[in-house]
């Protein structure tokens, strides 16, 4: 079942949580709502579920208006961040709960409930824990039981609010892969809220980046990471180096030596470069900035190098092989040459700008 979000606005007193938000989520797509705390992503999820009303706009499921339909009639499965399992009930009864509270004319018989519950527990690979209680489970197991409970009622839409936020790093990684496989099997519209960039980029078909009640960008994980639509998206999705520049015709320029007049002439033009898109050179070169190596740290297959130029610190990521070739050490003078630069003036991307570190063009 598809979800259509049309011009949704939601206020809490004077605070605007969502401001004219629109979004389409087709059947079978796994969408991540990504953004910092307070950006409106959980409010939007709760509105889709029917747990919050709207001030303006509407929600449609499969083309049918759903804005004023009660939560229990929307056929939505909701998984909470902190599981919300009933402590006094066994795993089996937790998963069966949604089936047992259905209206009498919709409620399946006991044999059907038992089959459905055990099918769901097998799906999440925890059927052997059916008689245990939540207090006897690990965090990862509780989250999978919460998901089984949401799926037991055969929802048309699956909603997850920070589903892995309370778990340790290794368990989170395992459950991400597991959720992706499970979603592909179920093939329903699924939406999950997260503030973890890696989680969104790894799991989702599409990522919706939100900020201050607005949608900043919608795209595939590769699109939002490699072609951010705004400075906010660039900064929020992974590490980035920011060069303060000034425009000279079609050139966005950083001077080697700054003075008061140069600084005063700067506009709000910024150039963004990912750490892996900056080349380090041992010798002076055209269109390169000189700097002093401050710190070198090996992190797994990468080596992170911090270089200072004009009291600004830039971060560069190298492969271990490239670091060995350069043979640099703290205190060395090196030259930086960026690749794949994107220049913004305010929130506007200047696609036709050429970025020059050296000046004098």
Protein backbone atom coordinates (compact mmCIF):
# COMPACT_ATOMS: atom_id res chain seq x y z
CA UNK A 1 0.00 0.00 0.00
CA UNK A 2 1.43 3.37 -1.03
CA UNK A 3 1.59 6.42 1.28
CA UNK A 4 1.02 9.96 0.03
CA UNK A 5 1.82 12.88 2.34
CA UNK A 6 0.27 16.11 1.08
CA UNK A 7 1.23 19.55 2.44
CA UNK A 8 1.30 18.47 6.09
CA UNK A 9 1.69 21.21 8.70
CA UNK A 10 1.78 20.45 12.42
CA UNK A 11 2.17 22.93 15.27
CA UNK A 12 2.64 22.43 18.99
CA UNK A 13 1.66 25.83 20.39
CA UNK A 14 3.94 28.36 18.68
CA UNK A 15 6.40 25.69 17.58
CA UNK A 16 6.06 24.52 13.97
CA UNK A 17 7.09 20.85 13.96
CA UNK A 18 6.25 20.29 10.27
CA UNK A 19 5.90 23.03 7.68
CA UNK A 20 4.09 22.09 4.44
CA UNK A 21 5.73 18.66 4.06
CA UNK A 22 4.91 16.50 1.02
CA UNK A 23 6.25 13.04 0.22
CA UNK A 24 5.32 9.93 -1.78
CA UNK A 25 6.23 6.42 -0.56
CA UNK A 26 5.31 3.63 -3.01
CA UNK A 27 4.46 0.06 -2.02
CA UNK A 28 7.53 -2.05 -1.36
CA UNK A 29 9.90 0.84 -0.65
CA UNK A 30 11.94 1.18 2.54
CA UNK A 31 12.31 4.88 3.35
CA UNK A 32 14.47 6.48 6.05
CA UNK A 33 13.44 9.77 7.68
CA UNK A 34 16.83 11.16 8.65
CA UNK A 35 17.67 14.30 10.58
CA UNK A 36 18.77 15.78 13.91
CA UNK A 37 16.63 15.77 17.05
CA UNK A 38 13.70 18.15 16.75
CA UNK A 39 13.58 18.17 12.94
CA UNK A 40 10.06 16.68 12.81
CA UNK A 41 10.79 13.12 11.66
CA UNK A 42 9.10 11.32 14.58
CA UNK A 43 6.13 13.70 14.42
CA UNK A 44 5.71 12.83 10.74
CA UNK A 45 5.90 9.09 11.53
CA UNK A 46 3.25 9.43 14.24
CA UNK A 47 1.00 11.38 11.86
CA UNK A 48 1.29 8.57 9.28
CA UNK A 49 0.33 6.11 12.04
CA UNK A 50 -2.62 8.23 13.18
CA UNK A 51 -1.12 8.89 16.62
CA UNK A 52 -0.99 12.64 15.95
CA UNK A 53 -3.46 14.89 14.17
CA UNK A 54 -2.56 17.54 11.61
CA UNK A 55 -3.29 21.26 11.40
CA UNK A 56 -3.18 21.30 7.60
CA UNK A 57 -2.75 18.77 4.79
CA UNK A 58 -3.71 15.13 4.44
CA UNK A 59 -2.41 11.55 4.41
CA UNK A 60 -3.54 9.08 1.75
CA UNK A 61 -3.09 5.30 1.83
CA UNK A 62 -3.38 3.72 -1.64
CA UNK A 63 -4.96 6.94 -2.87
CA UNK A 64 -7.65 7.00 -0.18
CA UNK A 65 -7.76 9.90 2.36
CA UNK A 66 -6.70 8.56 5.75
CA UNK A 67 -6.06 11.73 7.74
CA UNK A 68 -9.08 11.27 10.00
CA UNK A 69 -9.13 7.45 10.05
CA UNK A 70 -8.49 5.94 13.51
CA UNK A 71 -5.10 4.31 14.10
CA UNK A 72 -6.51 0.79 14.52
CA UNK A 73 -8.27 1.05 11.15
CA UNK A 74 -5.17 2.08 9.20
CA UNK A 75 -3.60 -1.38 9.29
CA UNK A 76 -0.25 0.03 10.37
CA UNK A 77 2.43 -1.88 12.24
CA UNK A 78 4.41 0.37 14.61
CA UNK A 79 7.73 -0.55 16.24
CA UNK A 80 8.83 1.72 19.09
CA UNK A 81 12.40 2.61 19.99
CA UNK A 82 12.19 1.03 23.45
CA UNK A 83 10.26 -2.08 22.34
CA UNK A 84 7.14 -1.39 24.51
CA UNK A 85 6.78 -5.12 25.27
CA UNK A 86 4.41 -6.21 28.03
CA UNK A 87 6.67 -7.45 30.83
CA UNK A 88 4.01 -9.67 32.41
CA UNK A 89 3.34 -11.51 29.14
CA UNK A 90 5.38 -14.26 27.52
CA UNK A 91 6.98 -13.70 24.12
CA UNK A 92 4.14 -15.69 22.55
CA UNK A 93 1.43 -13.57 24.20
CA UNK A 94 3.22 -10.32 23.31
CA UNK A 95 3.16 -11.26 19.63
CA UNK A 96 -0.44 -12.51 19.89
CA UNK A 97 -1.68 -9.34 21.59
CA UNK A 98 -2.64 -7.43 18.43
CA UNK A 99 -4.60 -10.42 17.16
CA UNK A 100 -6.46 -10.99 20.43
CA UNK A 101 -7.68 -7.38 20.70
CA UNK A 102 -9.16 -7.25 17.20
CA UNK A 103 -12.94 -6.70 17.04
CA UNK A 104 -14.81 -9.98 17.54
CA UNK A 105 -15.91 -10.21 13.91
CA UNK A 106 -12.28 -9.84 12.72
CA UNK A 107 -10.56 -11.86 15.44
CA UNK A 108 -9.07 -15.17 14.24
CA UNK A 109 -9.65 -18.38 16.13
CA UNK A 110 -7.19 -19.70 18.70
CA UNK A 111 -5.64 -22.19 16.27
CA UNK A 112 -5.13 -19.43 13.68
CA UNK A 113 -3.60 -17.13 16.30
CA UNK A 114 -1.15 -19.83 17.37
CA UNK A 115 -0.13 -20.53 13.78
CA UNK A 116 0.27 -16.84 12.96
CA UNK A 117 2.34 -16.14 16.07
CA UNK A 118 4.65 -19.09 15.52
CA UNK A 119 5.06 -18.13 11.84
CA UNK A 120 6.12 -14.62 12.92
CA UNK A 121 8.52 -15.95 15.55
CA UNK A 122 10.08 -18.23 12.95
CA UNK A 123 10.36 -15.28 10.58
CA UNK A 124 12.40 -13.34 13.16
CA UNK A 125 14.23 -16.58 14.05
CA UNK A 126 13.11 -16.61 17.69
CA UNK A 127 10.43 -19.33 17.81
CA UNK A 128 12.52 -21.17 20.42
CA UNK A 129 11.91 -18.29 22.86
CA UNK A 130 8.11 -18.37 22.69
CA UNK A 131 7.59 -19.17 26.39
CA UNK A 132 10.16 -16.76 27.79
CA UNK A 133 9.48 -13.29 29.16
CA UNK A 134 10.95 -9.97 27.94
CA UNK A 135 13.23 -9.69 30.98
CA UNK A 136 14.93 -12.92 29.86
CA UNK A 137 15.83 -11.57 26.41
CA UNK A 138 18.71 -9.50 25.09
CA UNK A 139 18.08 -6.05 23.60
CA UNK A 140 18.38 -7.36 20.06
CA UNK A 141 15.95 -10.20 20.77
CA UNK A 142 13.42 -7.78 22.31
CA UNK A 143 13.54 -5.59 19.24
CA UNK A 144 12.92 -8.56 16.95
CA UNK A 145 9.96 -9.62 19.13
CA UNK A 146 8.57 -6.06 18.88
CA UNK A 147 8.88 -6.33 15.10
CA UNK A 148 7.18 -9.76 15.08
CA UNK A 149 4.29 -8.28 17.09
CA UNK A 150 3.92 -5.43 14.58
CA UNK A 151 3.92 -7.87 11.65
CA UNK A 152 1.51 -10.38 13.25
CA UNK A 153 -1.53 -8.22 12.45
CA UNK A 154 -0.55 -8.26 8.74
CA UNK A 155 -0.04 -4.50 8.38
CA UNK A 156 -0.17 -2.76 5.02
CA UNK A 157 2.43 -0.25 6.26
CA UNK A 158 5.33 -0.78 8.67
CA UNK A 159 6.61 2.17 10.73
CA UNK A 160 9.71 2.06 12.94
CA UNK A 161 10.80 4.82 15.33
CA UNK A 162 14.57 4.71 15.95
CA UNK A 163 14.33 0.88 15.95
CA UNK A 164 17.99 0.25 16.78
CA UNK A 165 18.77 3.33 18.86
CA UNK A 166 18.95 1.48 22.19
CA UNK A 167 21.28 -1.29 20.96
CA UNK A 168 25.05 -1.59 20.92
CA UNK A 169 27.00 -1.07 17.69
CA UNK A 170 27.50 -4.71 16.68
CA UNK A 171 23.88 -5.70 17.32
CA UNK A 172 22.70 -2.64 15.37
CA UNK A 173 24.74 -3.68 12.34
CA UNK A 174 23.40 -7.23 12.45
CA UNK A 175 19.79 -6.07 12.78
CA UNK A 176 20.16 -3.56 9.91
CA UNK A 177 21.07 -6.36 7.52
CA UNK A 178 18.33 -8.54 8.95
CA UNK A 179 15.69 -5.78 8.58
CA UNK A 180 16.72 -5.18 4.96
CA UNK A 181 16.28 -8.88 4.12
CA UNK A 182 12.99 -9.06 6.02
CA UNK A 183 11.62 -6.01 4.22
CA UNK A 184 12.47 -7.52 0.84
CA UNK A 185 10.50 -10.63 1.81
CA UNK A 186 7.46 -8.71 3.10
CA UNK A 187 7.44 -6.12 0.27
CA UNK A 188 5.30 -3.51 2.03
CA UNK A 189 5.80 0.24 2.38
CA UNK A 190 8.13 0.74 5.34
CA UNK A 191 9.29 3.97 6.97
CA UNK A 192 11.87 4.21 9.71
CA UNK A 193 13.11 7.19 11.69
CA UNK A 194 16.80 7.57 12.48
CA UNK A 195 19.42 10.20 13.25
CA UNK A 196 22.19 7.73 12.33
CA UNK A 197 23.50 8.61 8.86
CA UNK A 198 25.24 5.27 8.37
CA UNK A 199 22.06 3.40 9.25
CA UNK A 200 19.97 5.34 6.73
CA UNK A 201 22.52 5.02 3.94
CA UNK A 202 23.00 1.29 4.52
CA UNK A 203 19.38 0.16 4.88
CA UNK A 204 17.03 2.47 2.96
CA UNK A 205 15.93 2.51 -0.68
CA UNK A 206 15.44 6.27 -0.35
CA UNK A 207 16.51 8.77 2.28
CA UNK A 208 14.44 11.81 3.29
CA UNK A 209 16.73 14.36 4.96
CA UNK A 210 14.77 16.67 7.27
CA UNK A 211 15.70 19.89 9.05
CA UNK A 212 13.56 22.24 11.15
CA UNK A 213 10.27 20.84 9.93
CA UNK A 214 11.22 20.89 6.25
CA UNK A 215 12.38 18.26 3.77
CA UNK A 216 15.87 19.28 2.62
CA UNK A 217 16.38 16.48 0.09
CA UNK A 218 14.91 13.17 -1.06
CA UNK A 219 17.00 10.65 -2.96
CA UNK A 220 18.75 7.31 -3.00
CA UNK A 221 21.51 6.86 -0.43
CA UNK A 222 24.09 7.46 -3.15
CA UNK A 223 22.35 10.61 -4.41
CA UNK A 224 22.07 12.32 -1.04
CA UNK A 225 25.67 11.46 -0.11
CA UNK A 226 27.45 12.27 -3.37
CA UNK A 227 25.23 15.15 -4.53
CA UNK A 228 23.87 16.97 -1.46
CA UNK A 229 21.29 19.62 -2.34
CA UNK A 230 22.20 22.05 0.45
CA UNK A 231 24.99 22.89 2.91
CA UNK A 232 22.92 21.31 5.70
CA UNK A 233 22.73 17.95 3.90
CA UNK A 234 26.46 18.10 3.15
CA UNK A 235 27.32 18.71 6.80
CA UNK A 236 24.83 16.19 8.18
CA UNK A 237 25.79 13.28 5.94
CA UNK A 238 29.32 12.33 6.90
CA UNK A 239 32.48 14.34 7.44
CA UNK A 240 33.15 17.33 5.21
CA UNK A 241 35.73 20.08 4.82
CA UNK A 242 34.40 23.61 4.31
CA UNK A 243 36.46 26.19 2.42
CA UNK A 244 35.35 29.82 2.83
CA UNK A 245 35.62 31.34 -0.61
CA UNK A 246 34.89 34.47 -2.61
CA UNK A 247 33.63 34.71 -6.16
CA UNK A 248 35.70 36.06 -9.05
CA UNK A 249 33.51 35.72 -12.13
CA UNK A 250 33.10 31.99 -12.70
CA UNK A 251 35.70 31.10 -10.08
CA UNK A 252 35.23 30.38 -6.41
CA UNK A 253 38.60 31.24 -4.93
CA UNK A 254 40.54 30.66 -1.71
CA UNK A 255 43.64 32.88 -1.40
CA UNK A 256 46.90 31.49 -0.13
CA UNK A 257 47.45 34.55 2.02
CA UNK A 258 44.48 36.33 3.52
CA UNK A 259 44.32 39.96 4.56
CA UNK A 260 41.61 42.18 5.97
CA UNK A 261 40.50 43.42 2.55
CA UNK A 262 40.22 39.85 1.23
CA UNK A 263 38.23 38.67 4.24
CA UNK A 264 35.87 41.64 3.98
CA UNK A 265 35.16 40.85 0.33
CA UNK A 266 34.00 37.32 1.07
CA UNK A 267 30.36 36.48 0.48
CA UNK A 268 28.45 33.55 1.96
CA UNK A 269 30.03 31.32 -0.69
CA UNK A 270 31.25 27.99 0.69
CA UNK A 271 33.02 25.10 -1.02
CA UNK A 272 32.46 21.57 0.37
CA UNK A 273 34.87 18.67 -0.08
CA UNK A 274 34.69 15.20 1.49
CA UNK A 275 37.86 14.05 3.31
CA UNK A 276 38.49 11.28 0.75
CA UNK A 277 38.27 13.83 -2.09
CA UNK A 278 41.36 15.81 -1.06
CA UNK A 279 44.72 14.77 -2.44
CA UNK A 280 47.89 15.26 -0.37
CA UNK A 281 51.09 16.17 -2.24
CA UNK A 282 54.63 16.31 -0.88
CA UNK A 283 55.71 19.11 -3.23
CA UNK A 284 54.24 22.48 -4.21
CA UNK A 285 51.79 22.35 -7.13
CA UNK A 286 49.36 24.58 -9.00
CA UNK A 287 45.91 24.98 -7.43
CA UNK A 288 47.10 23.56 -4.10
CA UNK A 289 47.23 24.97 -0.58
CA UNK A 290 50.19 24.47 1.70
CA UNK A 291 49.61 23.26 5.22
CA UNK A 292 51.23 21.64 8.23
CA UNK A 293 50.38 18.11 9.31
CA UNK A 294 48.99 18.19 12.85
CA UNK A 295 47.87 14.64 13.50
CA UNK A 296 47.80 11.22 11.82
CA UNK A 297 45.55 8.37 12.94
CA UNK A 298 45.04 4.95 11.38
CA UNK A 299 41.40 3.80 11.54
CA UNK A 300 40.87 0.34 10.06
CA UNK A 301 41.74 0.43 6.34
CA UNK A 302 42.03 4.24 6.31
CA UNK A 303 44.46 6.81 7.65
CA UNK A 304 43.01 10.13 8.79
CA UNK A 305 45.31 13.14 8.46
CA UNK A 306 44.62 16.58 9.97
CA UNK A 307 46.31 19.49 8.19
CA UNK A 308 46.31 23.13 9.33
CA UNK A 309 46.19 26.03 6.86
CA UNK A 310 45.75 29.66 7.92
CA UNK A 311 44.46 28.55 11.37
CA UNK A 312 41.84 26.28 9.76
CA UNK A 313 42.06 22.52 10.14
CA UNK A 314 41.17 20.19 7.25
CA UNK A 315 40.65 16.43 7.48
CA UNK A 316 41.89 14.10 4.75
CA UNK A 317 41.35 10.35 4.44
CA UNK A 318 43.99 8.21 2.75
CA UNK A 319 44.32 4.53 2.09
CA UNK A 320 47.08 2.87 4.08
CA UNK A 321 48.96 2.28 0.82
CA UNK A 322 48.83 5.97 -0.14
CA UNK A 323 49.92 7.01 3.34
CA UNK A 324 52.90 4.67 3.12
CA UNK A 325 53.86 6.16 -0.27
CA UNK A 326 53.73 9.73 1.07
CA UNK A 327 55.70 8.86 4.21
CA UNK A 328 54.41 11.97 5.98
CA UNK A 329 54.68 12.67 9.69
CA UNK A 330 53.33 15.26 12.13
CA UNK A 331 54.95 18.63 11.55
CA UNK A 332 55.60 18.06 7.83
CA UNK A 333 54.60 20.66 5.25
CA UNK A 334 52.29 19.27 2.56
CA UNK A 335 50.03 20.60 -0.21
CA UNK A 336 46.30 19.94 -0.53
CA UNK A 337 44.45 19.61 -3.83
CA UNK A 338 40.68 18.92 -3.73
CA UNK A 339 38.63 16.82 -6.14
CA UNK A 340 34.84 16.72 -6.56
CA UNK A 341 34.16 20.15 -5.04
CA UNK A 342 30.62 21.54 -4.70
CA UNK A 343 30.18 25.28 -4.22
CA UNK A 344 27.14 26.87 -2.56
CA UNK A 345 26.15 30.50 -2.24
CA UNK A 346 23.72 30.51 0.64
CA UNK A 347 21.58 27.42 -0.05
CA UNK A 348 22.02 27.63 -3.82
CA UNK A 349 24.33 25.20 -5.58
CA UNK A 350 26.61 26.93 -8.10
CA UNK A 351 27.02 24.11 -10.60
CA UNK A 352 29.04 26.12 -13.09
CA UNK A 353 31.63 27.37 -10.61
CA UNK A 354 35.25 26.28 -10.80
CA UNK A 355 37.04 26.05 -7.46
CA UNK A 356 40.59 27.39 -7.20
CA UNK A 357 42.72 27.17 -4.09
CA UNK A 358 45.59 29.23 -5.37
CA UNK A 359 44.03 32.45 -6.61
CA UNK A 360 45.50 34.60 -9.35
CA UNK A 361 43.39 33.13 -12.15
